PDB file of N, CA and C in Angstrom:
ATOM      1  N   MET A   1      10.042  17.481  47.971  1.00  0.00           N
ATOM      2  CA  MET A   1       9.858  16.902  46.562  1.00  0.00           C
ATOM      3  C   MET A   1       9.664  17.126  45.162  1.00  0.00           C
ATOM      4  N   LYS A   2       9.765  17.031  44.783  1.00  0.00           N
ATOM      5  CA  LYS A   2       9.890  18.002  42.799  1.00  0.00           C
ATOM      6  C   LYS A   2      10.002  17.861  41.907  1.00  0.00           C
ATOM      7  N   ILE A   3       8.385  18.427  40.494  1.00  0.00           N
ATOM      8  CA  ILE A   3       7.724  17.534  40.509  1.00  0.00           C
ATOM      9  C   ILE A   3       8.764  18.610  38.641  1.00  0.00           C
ATOM     10  N   ARG A   4       8.824  16.897  38.016  1.00  0.00           N
ATOM     11  CA  ARG A   4       9.729  17.015  36.973  1.00  0.00           C
ATOM     12  C   ARG A   4       7.908  17.844  35.918  1.00  0.00           C
ATOM     13  N   PRO A   5       8.528  18.724  34.793  1.00  0.00           N
ATOM     14  CA  PRO A   5       7.463  19.214  33.700  1.00  0.00           C
ATOM     15  C   PRO A   5       7.193  18.016  32.795  1.00  0.00           C
ATOM     16  N   VAL A   6       6.346  18.298  32.271  1.00  0.00           N
ATOM     17  CA  VAL A   6       6.155  17.289  31.653  1.00  0.00           C
ATOM     18  C   VAL A   6       6.497  17.232  30.179  1.00  0.00           C
ATOM     19  N   SER A   7       7.420  17.816  30.309  1.00  0.00           N
ATOM     20  CA  SER A   7       8.251  17.931  28.490  1.00  0.00           C
ATOM     21  C   SER A   7       9.285  17.204  28.779  1.00  0.00           C
ATOM     22  N   THR A   8       9.319  17.389  29.791  1.00  0.00           N
ATOM     23  CA  THR A   8      10.946  16.228  30.537  1.00  0.00           C
ATOM     24  C   THR A   8      10.764  15.032  30.464  1.00  0.00           C
ATOM     25  N   GLN A   9       9.910  14.267  30.794  1.00  0.00           N
ATOM     26  CA  GLN A   9       9.487  12.883  31.082  1.00  0.00           C
ATOM     27  C   GLN A   9       9.266  12.029  29.344  1.00  0.00           C
ATOM     28  N   PRO A  10      10.257  11.122  29.593  1.00  0.00           N
ATOM     29  CA  PRO A  10      10.291   9.818  28.607  1.00  0.00           C
ATOM     30  C   PRO A  10       8.857  10.096  27.805  1.00  0.00           C
ATOM     31  N   VAL A  11       9.115   9.692  26.393  1.00  0.00           N
ATOM     32  CA  VAL A  11       7.433  10.047  25.471  1.00  0.00           C
ATOM     33  C   VAL A  11       7.347   8.216  26.448  1.00  0.00           C
ATOM     34  N   PRO A  12       6.717   7.720  25.490  1.00  0.00           N
ATOM     35  CA  PRO A  12       6.400   5.694  25.582  1.00  0.00           C
ATOM     36  C   PRO A  12       6.705   5.718  24.375  1.00  0.00           C
ATOM     37  N   VAL A  13       7.192   4.338  23.825  1.00  0.00           N
ATOM     38  CA  VAL A  13       6.910   3.747  23.267  1.00  0.00           C
ATOM     39  C   VAL A  13       6.258   4.095  21.607  1.00  0.00           C
ATOM     40  N   LEU A  14       4.665   4.077  22.607  1.00  0.00           N
ATOM     41  CA  LEU A  14       3.730   3.847  21.649  1.00  0.00           C
ATOM     42  C   LEU A  14       3.284   4.776  20.703  1.00  0.00           C
ATOM     43  N   GLU A  15       3.134   5.943  22.064  1.00  0.00           N
ATOM     44  CA  GLU A  15       3.084   7.158  21.367  1.00  0.00           C
ATOM     45  C   GLU A  15       3.702   7.765  21.375  1.00  0.00           C
ATOM     46  N   SER A  16       5.101   7.130  20.656  1.00  0.00           N
ATOM     47  CA  SER A  16       6.151   7.779  19.515  1.00  0.00           C
ATOM     48  C   SER A  16       6.182   7.457  17.923  1.00  0.00           C
ATOM     49  N   ALA A  17       5.831   6.336  18.235  1.00  0.00           N
ATOM     50  CA  ALA A  17       5.483   5.734  17.024  1.00  0.00           C
ATOM     51  C   ALA A  17       4.072   5.879  16.156  1.00  0.00           C
ATOM     52  N   TRP A  18       3.290   6.584  17.193  1.00  0.00           N
ATOM     53  CA  TRP A  18       1.317   6.681  16.850  1.00  0.00           C
ATOM     54  C   TRP A  18       2.063   8.533  15.909  1.00  0.00           C
ATOM     55  N   ARG A  19       2.457   8.801  16.899  1.00  0.00           N
ATOM     56  CA  ARG A  19       3.118  10.513  16.732  1.00  0.00           C
ATOM     57  C   ARG A  19       3.680  10.439  14.579  1.00  0.00           C
ATOM     58  N   TYR A  20       4.797   9.362  15.092  1.00  0.00           N
ATOM     59  CA  TYR A  20       5.610   9.269  13.565  1.00  0.00           C
ATOM     60  C   TYR A  20       4.914   8.828  12.407  1.00  0.00           C
ATOM     61  N   GLY A  21       4.055   7.888  13.440  1.00  0.00           N
ATOM     62  CA  GLY A  21       3.272   6.761  11.939  1.00  0.00           C
ATOM     63  C   GLY A  21       2.355   7.921  11.744  1.00  0.00           C
ATOM     64  N   VAL A  22       1.742   9.354  12.213  1.00  0.00           N
ATOM     65  CA  VAL A  22       0.530  10.653  11.366  1.00  0.00           C
ATOM     66  C   VAL A  22       1.626  11.407  10.487  1.00  0.00           C
ATOM     67  N   LEU A  23       2.589  11.173  10.820  1.00  0.00           N
ATOM     68  CA  LEU A  23       3.599  12.348  10.738  1.00  0.00           C
ATOM     69  C   LEU A  23       4.129  11.742   9.219  1.00  0.00           C
ATOM     70  N   LEU A  24       4.043  10.805   8.855  1.00  0.00           N
ATOM     71  CA  LEU A  24       4.437   9.578   7.332  1.00  0.00           C
ATOM     72  C   LEU A  24       3.521   9.694   6.547  1.00  0.00           C
ATOM     73  N   CYS A  25       2.407   9.241   7.737  1.00  0.00           N
ATOM     74  CA  CYS A  25       0.395   9.732   6.716  1.00  0.00           C
ATOM     75  C   CYS A  25       0.432  10.615   6.466  1.00  0.00           C
ATOM     76  N   ILE A  26       0.799  12.045   7.002  1.00  0.00           N
ATOM     77  CA  ILE A  26       0.532  13.350   6.449  1.00  0.00           C
ATOM     78  C   ILE A  26       1.535  13.550   5.366  1.00  0.00           C
ATOM     79  N   LEU A  27       2.892  13.101   4.902  1.00  0.00           N
ATOM     80  CA  LEU A  27       3.622  13.221   4.308  1.00  0.00           C
ATOM     81  C   LEU A  27       3.632  12.333   2.910  1.00  0.00           C
ATOM     82  N   ALA A  28       2.854  11.514   3.342  1.00  0.00           N
ATOM     83  CA  ALA A  28       2.105  10.838   1.929  1.00  0.00           C
ATOM     84  C   ALA A  28       0.987  10.865   1.420  1.00  0.00           C
ATOM     85  N   LEU A  29       0.244  12.009   2.342  1.00  0.00           N
ATOM     86  CA  LEU A  29      -1.216  12.535   1.299  1.00  0.00           C
ATOM     87  C   LEU A  29      -0.337  13.825   0.846  1.00  0.00           C
ATOM     88  N   LEU A  30       1.065  14.446   1.538  1.00  0.00           N
ATOM     89  CA  LEU A  30       1.194  15.239   0.403  1.00  0.00           C
ATOM     90  C   LEU A  30       1.869  14.509  -0.412  1.00  0.00           C
ATOM     91  N   VAL A  31       2.704  14.638  -0.918  1.00  0.00           N
ATOM     92  CA  VAL A  31       3.550  13.306  -1.686  1.00  0.00           C
ATOM     93  C   VAL A  31       2.292  12.853  -3.300  1.00  0.00           C
ATOM     94  N   SER A  32       1.415  12.178  -2.267  1.00  0.00           N
ATOM     95  CA  SER A  32       0.522  11.935  -3.307  1.00  0.00           C
ATOM     96  C   SER A  32      -0.354  13.005  -4.040  1.00  0.00           C
ATOM     97  N   HIS A  33      -1.414  14.354  -3.199  1.00  0.00           N
ATOM     98  CA  HIS A  33      -1.153  15.090  -4.359  1.00  0.00           C
ATOM     99  C   HIS A  33      -0.513  16.359  -4.237  1.00  0.00           C
ATOM    100  N   ILE A  34       0.801  16.392  -4.802  1.00  0.00           N
ATOM    101  CA  ILE A  34       1.714  16.651  -5.476  1.00  0.00           C
ATOM    102  C   ILE A  34       1.911  16.550  -6.777  1.00  0.00           C
ATOM    103  N   ARG A  35       1.104  14.864  -6.067  1.00  0.00           N
ATOM    104  CA  ARG A  35       1.184  13.566  -7.956  1.00  0.00           C
ATOM    105  C   ARG A  35       0.158  14.325  -8.809  1.00  0.00           C
ATOM    106  N   TRP A  36      -0.833  14.450  -7.635  1.00  0.00           N
ATOM    107  CA  TRP A  36      -1.978  14.727  -8.942  1.00  0.00           C
ATOM    108  C   TRP A  36      -2.183  15.727  -9.014  1.00  0.00           C
ATOM    109  N   TYR A  37      -1.569  16.866  -8.642  1.00  0.00           N
ATOM    110  CA  TYR A  37      -1.536  17.946  -8.964  1.00  0.00           C
ATOM    111  C   TYR A  37      -0.376  18.561 -10.395  1.00  0.00           C
ATOM    112  N   LEU A  38       0.203  17.587 -10.971  1.00  0.00           N
ATOM    113  CA  LEU A  38       1.342  17.976 -11.868  1.00  0.00           C
ATOM    114  C   LEU A  38       0.897  17.183 -12.865  1.00  0.00           C
ATOM    115  N   SER A  39      -0.200  16.116 -12.744  1.00  0.00           N
ATOM    116  CA  SER A  39      -0.705  14.561 -13.570  1.00  0.00           C
ATOM    117  C   SER A  39      -2.063  16.244 -14.042  1.00  0.00           C
ATOM    118  N   LEU A  40      -2.540  16.935 -13.801  1.00  0.00           N
ATOM    119  CA  LEU A  40      -3.542  17.875 -13.740  1.00  0.00           C
ATOM    120  C   LEU A  40      -3.943  17.906 -15.790  1.00  0.00           C
ATOM    121  N   PRO A  41      -4.658  17.862 -16.218  1.00  0.00           N
ATOM    122  CA  PRO A  41      -5.325  18.573 -17.481  1.00  0.00           C
ATOM    123  C   PRO A  41      -4.742  20.325 -17.473  1.00  0.00           C
ATOM    124  N   ALA A  42      -4.777  21.335 -19.080  1.00  0.00           N
ATOM    125  CA  ALA A  42      -4.624  22.287 -18.356  1.00  0.00           C
ATOM    126  C   ALA A  42      -6.135  22.231 -18.757  1.00  0.00           C
ATOM    127  N   TYR A  43      -7.072  22.137 -19.260  1.00  0.00           N
ATOM    128  CA  TYR A  43      -8.622  22.562 -19.646  1.00  0.00           C
ATOM    129  C   TYR A  43      -9.180  22.445 -17.646  1.00  0.00           C
ATOM    130  N   TYR A  44      -8.192  22.056 -17.137  1.00  0.00           N
ATOM    131  CA  TYR A  44      -8.923  21.576 -15.280  1.00  0.00           C
ATOM    132  C   TYR A  44      -9.741  22.408 -15.102  1.00  0.00           C
ATOM    133  N   GLU A  45     -11.062  22.602 -14.560  1.00  0.00           N
ATOM    134  CA  GLU A  45     -11.613  23.904 -14.426  1.00  0.00           C
ATOM    135  C   GLU A  45     -11.896  24.101 -12.389  1.00  0.00           C
ATOM    136  N   GLY A  46     -11.753  23.050 -11.923  1.00  0.00           N
ATOM    137  CA  GLY A  46     -12.071  22.551 -10.882  1.00  0.00           C
ATOM    138  C   GLY A  46     -10.728  23.969  -9.778  1.00  0.00           C
ATOM    139  N   ASP A  47     -11.081  23.480  -8.426  1.00  0.00           N
ATOM    140  CA  ASP A  47     -10.212  24.482  -7.454  1.00  0.00           C
ATOM    141  C   ASP A  47      -8.663  22.814  -7.207  1.00  0.00           C
ATOM    142  N   PRO A  48      -7.071  23.592  -8.228  1.00  0.00           N
ATOM    143  CA  PRO A  48      -6.357  22.216  -8.102  1.00  0.00           C
ATOM    144  C   PRO A  48      -5.650  22.776  -6.611  1.00  0.00           C
ATOM    145  N   TYR A  49      -6.364  24.030  -5.504  1.00  0.00           N
ATOM    146  CA  TYR A  49      -5.538  23.865  -4.334  1.00  0.00           C
ATOM    147  C   TYR A  49      -5.901  23.950  -2.983  1.00  0.00           C
ATOM    148  N   ALA A  50      -7.112  23.261  -3.491  1.00  0.00           N
ATOM    149  CA  ALA A  50      -8.247  23.263  -1.762  1.00  0.00           C
ATOM    150  C   ALA A  50      -7.252  22.031  -1.138  1.00  0.00           C
ATOM    151  N   ILE A  51      -6.607  21.089  -1.816  1.00  0.00           N
ATOM    152  CA  ILE A  51      -6.582  19.571  -1.044  1.00  0.00           C
ATOM    153  C   ILE A  51      -5.377  19.572   0.005  1.00  0.00           C
ATOM    154  N   GLY A  52      -4.734  21.088  -0.760  1.00  0.00           N
ATOM    155  CA  GLY A  52      -2.937  21.059  -0.499  1.00  0.00           C
ATOM    156  C   GLY A  52      -3.364  21.783   0.465  1.00  0.00           C
ATOM    157  N   VAL A  53      -4.206  22.402   0.207  1.00  0.00           N
ATOM    158  CA  VAL A  53      -3.870  23.385   2.146  1.00  0.00           C
ATOM    159  C   VAL A  53      -4.505  23.453   2.890  1.00  0.00           C
ATOM    160  N   VAL A  54      -5.420  22.443   3.038  1.00  0.00           N
ATOM    161  CA  VAL A  54      -5.769  21.020   3.765  1.00  0.00           C
ATOM    162  C   VAL A  54      -4.589  20.549   4.485  1.00  0.00           C
ATOM    163  N   ILE A  55      -4.185  19.666   3.492  1.00  0.00           N
ATOM    164  CA  ILE A  55      -3.067  19.171   4.013  1.00  0.00           C
ATOM    165  C   ILE A  55      -1.639  19.582   4.778  1.00  0.00           C
ATOM    166  N   LEU A  56      -1.999  21.107   4.478  1.00  0.00           N
ATOM    167  CA  LEU A  56      -0.820  21.223   4.895  1.00  0.00           C
ATOM    168  C   LEU A  56      -0.694  22.431   5.960  1.00  0.00           C
ATOM    169  N   LEU A  57      -2.748  22.548   6.387  1.00  0.00           N
ATOM    170  CA  LEU A  57      -2.915  22.888   7.496  1.00  0.00           C
ATOM    171  C   LEU A  57      -2.741  21.445   8.352  1.00  0.00           C
ATOM    172  N   LEU A  58      -2.805  20.331   8.562  1.00  0.00           N
ATOM    173  CA  LEU A  58      -2.389  18.562   8.631  1.00  0.00           C
ATOM    174  C   LEU A  58      -1.484  18.932   9.544  1.00  0.00           C
ATOM    175  N   LEU A  59      -0.096  19.492   8.573  1.00  0.00           N
ATOM    176  CA  LEU A  59       1.009  19.568   8.975  1.00  0.00           C
ATOM    177  C   LEU A  59       1.490  19.998   9.652  1.00  0.00           C
ATOM    178  N   PHE A  60       0.351  21.434   9.473  1.00  0.00           N
ATOM    179  CA  PHE A  60       1.473  22.237  10.342  1.00  0.00           C
ATOM    180  C   PHE A  60       1.033  21.942  11.628  1.00  0.00           C
ATOM    181  N   ASN A  61      -0.125  21.646  12.006  1.00  0.00           N
ATOM    182  CA  ASN A  61      -0.481  21.334  13.515  1.00  0.00           C
ATOM    183  C   ASN A  61      -0.315  19.987  14.231  1.00  0.00           C
ATOM    184  N   HIS A  62       0.611  18.993  13.050  1.00  0.00           N
ATOM    185  CA  HIS A  62       0.563  18.203  14.196  1.00  0.00           C
ATOM    186  C   HIS A  62       1.973  18.321  13.704  1.00  0.00           C
ATOM    187  N   LEU A  63       3.281  19.073  13.240  1.00  0.00           N
ATOM    188  CA  LEU A  63       4.411  19.725  14.326  1.00  0.00           C
ATOM    189  C   LEU A  63       4.681  20.412  15.521  1.00  0.00           C
ATOM    190  N   ALA A  64       3.093  20.984  14.985  1.00  0.00           N
ATOM    191  CA  ALA A  64       3.799  22.258  16.254  1.00  0.00           C
ATOM    192  C   ALA A  64       3.121  22.124  17.123  1.00  0.00           C
ATOM    193  N   TYR A  65       2.151  21.027  17.086  1.00  0.00           N
ATOM    194  CA  TYR A  65       1.219  20.866  19.012  1.00  0.00           C
ATOM    195  C   TYR A  65       1.281  18.627  18.927  1.00  0.00           C
ATOM    196  N   GLY A  66       1.625  18.232  17.924  1.00  0.00           N
ATOM    197  CA  GLY A  66       2.227  16.616  18.398  1.00  0.00           C
ATOM    198  C   GLY A  66       3.491  15.941  18.940  1.00  0.00           C
ATOM    199  N   PHE A  67       3.897  17.668  18.744  1.00  0.00           N
ATOM    200  CA  PHE A  67       5.764  16.973  18.791  1.00  0.00           C
ATOM    201  C   PHE A  67       6.112  18.135  19.738  1.00  0.00           C
ATOM    202  N   GLN A  68       7.173  17.568  21.194  1.00  0.00           N
ATOM    203  CA  GLN A  68       8.098  18.368  21.862  1.00  0.00           C
ATOM    204  C   GLN A  68       8.744  19.147  22.009  1.00  0.00           C
ATOM    205  N   TRP A  69       9.401  20.467  20.869  1.00  0.00           N
ATOM    206  CA  TRP A  69      10.120  20.909  20.968  1.00  0.00           C
ATOM    207  C   TRP A  69      10.791  22.205  22.383  1.00  0.00           C
ATOM    208  N   ARG A  70      11.560  23.117  22.043  1.00  0.00           N
ATOM    209  CA  ARG A  70      12.505  23.331  22.442  1.00  0.00           C
ATOM    210  C   ARG A  70      11.124  25.008  22.797  1.00  0.00           C
ATOM    211  N   PRO A  71      11.483  25.842  23.442  1.00  0.00           N
ATOM    212  CA  PRO A  71      10.666  27.240  23.641  1.00  0.00           C
ATOM    213  C   PRO A  71       9.925  27.726  22.528  1.00  0.00           C
ATOM    214  N   TRP A  72      10.991  27.702  22.037  1.00  0.00           N
ATOM    215  CA  TRP A  72      11.559  29.105  20.632  1.00  0.00           C
ATOM    216  C   TRP A  72      10.686  28.762  19.601  1.00  0.00           C
ATOM    217  N   ILE A  73      11.201  27.072  19.854  1.00  0.00           N
ATOM    218  CA  ILE A  73      10.661  26.817  18.159  1.00  0.00           C
ATOM    219  C   ILE A  73       8.796  26.153  18.470  1.00  0.00           C
ATOM    220  N   ALA A  74       8.865  25.869  19.625  1.00  0.00           N
ATOM    221  CA  ALA A  74       7.597  25.982  19.615  1.00  0.00           C
ATOM    222  C   ALA A  74       5.976  27.076  19.606  1.00  0.00           C
ATOM    223  N   THR A  75       7.202  28.107  19.341  1.00  0.00           N
ATOM    224  CA  THR A  75       6.039  29.201  19.440  1.00  0.00           C
ATOM    225  C   THR A  75       5.605  29.307  18.416  1.00  0.00           C
ATOM    226  N   ALA A  76       6.470  29.015  17.245  1.00  0.00           N
ATOM    227  CA  ALA A  76       6.728  29.444  16.333  1.00  0.00           C
ATOM    228  C   ALA A  76       6.477  28.583  15.327  1.00  0.00           C
ATOM    229  N   LEU A  77       6.779  27.527  15.766  1.00  0.00           N
ATOM    230  CA  LEU A  77       5.599  26.571  15.237  1.00  0.00           C
ATOM    231  C   LEU A  77       4.138  26.998  14.951  1.00  0.00           C
ATOM    232  N   SER A  78       4.154  27.547  16.752  1.00  0.00           N
ATOM    233  CA  SER A  78       2.329  28.119  17.568  1.00  0.00           C
ATOM    234  C   SER A  78       1.551  28.788  15.899  1.00  0.00           C
ATOM    235  N   VAL A  79       3.078  30.022  16.103  1.00  0.00           N
ATOM    236  CA  VAL A  79       2.177  30.717  15.340  1.00  0.00           C
ATOM    237  C   VAL A  79       1.902  30.508  13.344  1.00  0.00           C
ATOM    238  N   VAL A  80       3.020  30.234  12.899  1.00  0.00           N
ATOM    239  CA  VAL A  80       2.860  29.468  11.968  1.00  0.00           C
ATOM    240  C   VAL A  80       1.445  28.904  11.794  1.00  0.00           C
ATOM    241  N   SER A  81       1.149  27.364  12.889  1.00  0.00           N
ATOM    242  CA  SER A  81       0.335  27.080  12.339  1.00  0.00           C
ATOM    243  C   SER A  81      -1.390  28.002  12.719  1.00  0.00           C
ATOM    244  N   ILE A  82      -1.657  28.391  13.481  1.00  0.00           N
ATOM    245  CA  ILE A  82      -2.098  29.517  14.178  1.00  0.00           C
ATOM    246  C   ILE A  82      -3.051  30.305  12.574  1.00  0.00           C
ATOM    247  N   GLY A  83      -1.874  31.003  12.469  1.00  0.00           N
ATOM    248  CA  GLY A  83      -1.353  31.603  10.960  1.00  0.00           C
ATOM    249  C   GLY A  83      -2.154  31.037   9.504  1.00  0.00           C
ATOM    250  N   TRP A  84      -1.890  29.976   9.687  1.00  0.00           N
ATOM    251  CA  TRP A  84      -2.305  28.840   8.309  1.00  0.00           C
ATOM    252  C   TRP A  84      -3.348  28.240   8.103  1.00  0.00           C
ATOM    253  N   ASN A  85      -4.095  27.812  10.221  1.00  0.00           N
ATOM    254  CA  ASN A  85      -5.278  27.669   9.778  1.00  0.00           C
ATOM    255  C   ASN A  85      -6.620  28.944   9.771  1.00  0.00           C
ATOM    256  N   LEU A  86      -6.031  29.818   9.756  1.00  0.00           N
ATOM    257  CA  LEU A  86      -6.793  30.965   9.849  1.00  0.00           C
ATOM    258  C   LEU A  86      -6.422  31.580   8.191  1.00  0.00           C
ATOM    259  N   PHE A  87      -5.877  31.011   7.295  1.00  0.00           N
ATOM    260  CA  PHE A  87      -5.292  31.238   6.127  1.00  0.00           C
ATOM    261  C   PHE A  87      -6.612  30.636   5.183  1.00  0.00           C
ATOM    262  N   THR A  88      -7.332  28.938   6.245  1.00  0.00           N
ATOM    263  CA  THR A  88      -7.122  27.928   5.473  1.00  0.00           C
ATOM    264  C   THR A  88      -8.953  28.646   5.408  1.00  0.00           C
ATOM    265  N   CYS A  89      -9.084  28.592   6.606  1.00  0.00           N
ATOM    266  CA  CYS A  89     -10.275  29.491   6.535  1.00  0.00           C
ATOM    267  C   CYS A  89     -10.845  30.449   5.417  1.00  0.00           C
ATOM    268  N   PHE A  90     -10.243  31.637   5.583  1.00  0.00           N
ATOM    269  CA  PHE A  90     -10.682  33.094   4.499  1.00  0.00           C
ATOM    270  C   PHE A  90     -10.298  31.437   2.621  1.00  0.00           C
ATOM    271  N   TYR A  91      -9.531  31.200   2.553  1.00  0.00           N
ATOM    272  CA  TYR A  91      -9.201  30.683   1.416  1.00  0.00           C
ATOM    273  C   TYR A  91     -10.844  29.854   1.014  1.00  0.00           C
ATOM    274  N   MET A  92     -11.275  28.208   2.328  1.00  0.00           N
ATOM    275  CA  MET A  92     -11.723  28.151   1.850  1.00  0.00           C
ATOM    276  C   MET A  92     -12.711  28.714   1.815  1.00  0.00           C
ATOM    277  N   LEU A  93     -13.380  29.145   2.701  1.00  0.00           N
ATOM    278  CA  LEU A  93     -14.860  30.390   2.776  1.00  0.00           C
ATOM    279  C   LEU A  93     -15.294  31.500   1.653  1.00  0.00           C
ATOM    280  N   TYR A  94     -13.919  31.183   0.586  1.00  0.00           N
ATOM    281  CA  TYR A  94     -13.398  32.074   0.197  1.00  0.00           C
ATOM    282  C   TYR A  94     -13.483  33.295  -0.911  1.00  0.00           C
ATOM    283  N   TRP A  95     -11.829  32.175  -0.674  1.00  0.00           N
ATOM    284  CA  TRP A  95     -10.965  33.125  -1.549  1.00  0.00           C
ATOM    285  C   TRP A  95     -11.333  31.593  -3.476  1.00  0.00           C
ATOM    286  N   SER A  96     -11.440  30.925  -2.185  1.00  0.00           N
ATOM    287  CA  SER A  96     -11.642  29.831  -3.203  1.00  0.00           C
ATOM    288  C   SER A  96     -12.523  29.642  -4.329  1.00  0.00           C
ATOM    289  N   GLN A  97     -13.663  30.628  -3.844  1.00  0.00           N
ATOM    290  CA  GLN A  97     -14.712  30.371  -4.483  1.00  0.00           C
ATOM    291  C   GLN A  97     -14.738  31.702  -5.522  1.00  0.00           C
ATOM    292  N   VAL A  98     -13.732  32.551  -5.223  1.00  0.00           N
ATOM    293  CA  VAL A  98     -13.818  34.214  -6.173  1.00  0.00           C
ATOM    294  C   VAL A  98     -12.160  33.179  -6.657  1.00  0.00           C
ATOM    295  N   LEU A  99     -11.554  32.867  -6.855  1.00  0.00           N
ATOM    296  CA  LEU A  99     -10.957  32.281  -7.957  1.00  0.00           C
ATOM    297  C   LEU A  99     -11.400  31.301  -8.952  1.00  0.00           C
ATOM    298  N   TYR A 100     -11.876  30.478  -8.091  1.00  0.00           N
ATOM    299  CA  TYR A 100     -12.867  29.250  -9.579  1.00  0.00           C
ATOM    300  C   TYR A 100     -14.441  29.031  -8.308  1.00  0.00           C
ATOM    301  N   PRO A 101     -14.782  29.461  -9.521  1.00  0.00           N
ATOM    302  CA  PRO A 101     -16.638  29.735  -9.516  1.00  0.00           C
ATOM    303  C   PRO A 101     -17.241  28.586  -9.715  1.00  0.00           C
ATOM    304  N   GLY A 102     -16.543  27.486 -10.511  1.00  0.00           N
ATOM    305  CA  GLY A 102     -17.292  27.045 -11.185  1.00  0.00           C
ATOM    306  C   GLY A 102     -16.955  25.448 -10.873  1.00  0.00           C
ATOM    307  N   GLY A 103     -16.309  25.901 -10.111  1.00  0.00           N
ATOM    308  CA  GLY A 103     -15.465  24.295  -9.430  1.00  0.00           C
ATOM    309  C   GLY A 103     -16.373  23.731  -8.351  1.00  0.00           C
TER     310      GLY A 103
END
């Protein structure tokens, strides 16, 4: 009796629709954030990048762990995802307050 790896089994249709639906929602959030950022006035004092950093965190995590990739692509996406997680923690907990102390 042979056991096939999980990565070679067919993905159910509803699970696939969920994965691509979440990806579509994250991309819609990214597009709306870019539109918001481009419409900011010059005198805006808050942090205009914080939401974008979090949206990219969601995107990288979803791409790395929500889909099945070839091993080298999965490894590269995992490294990018972990690195962006660390950067997001650093940015949100420290760097954002240094750059935008009043916001």
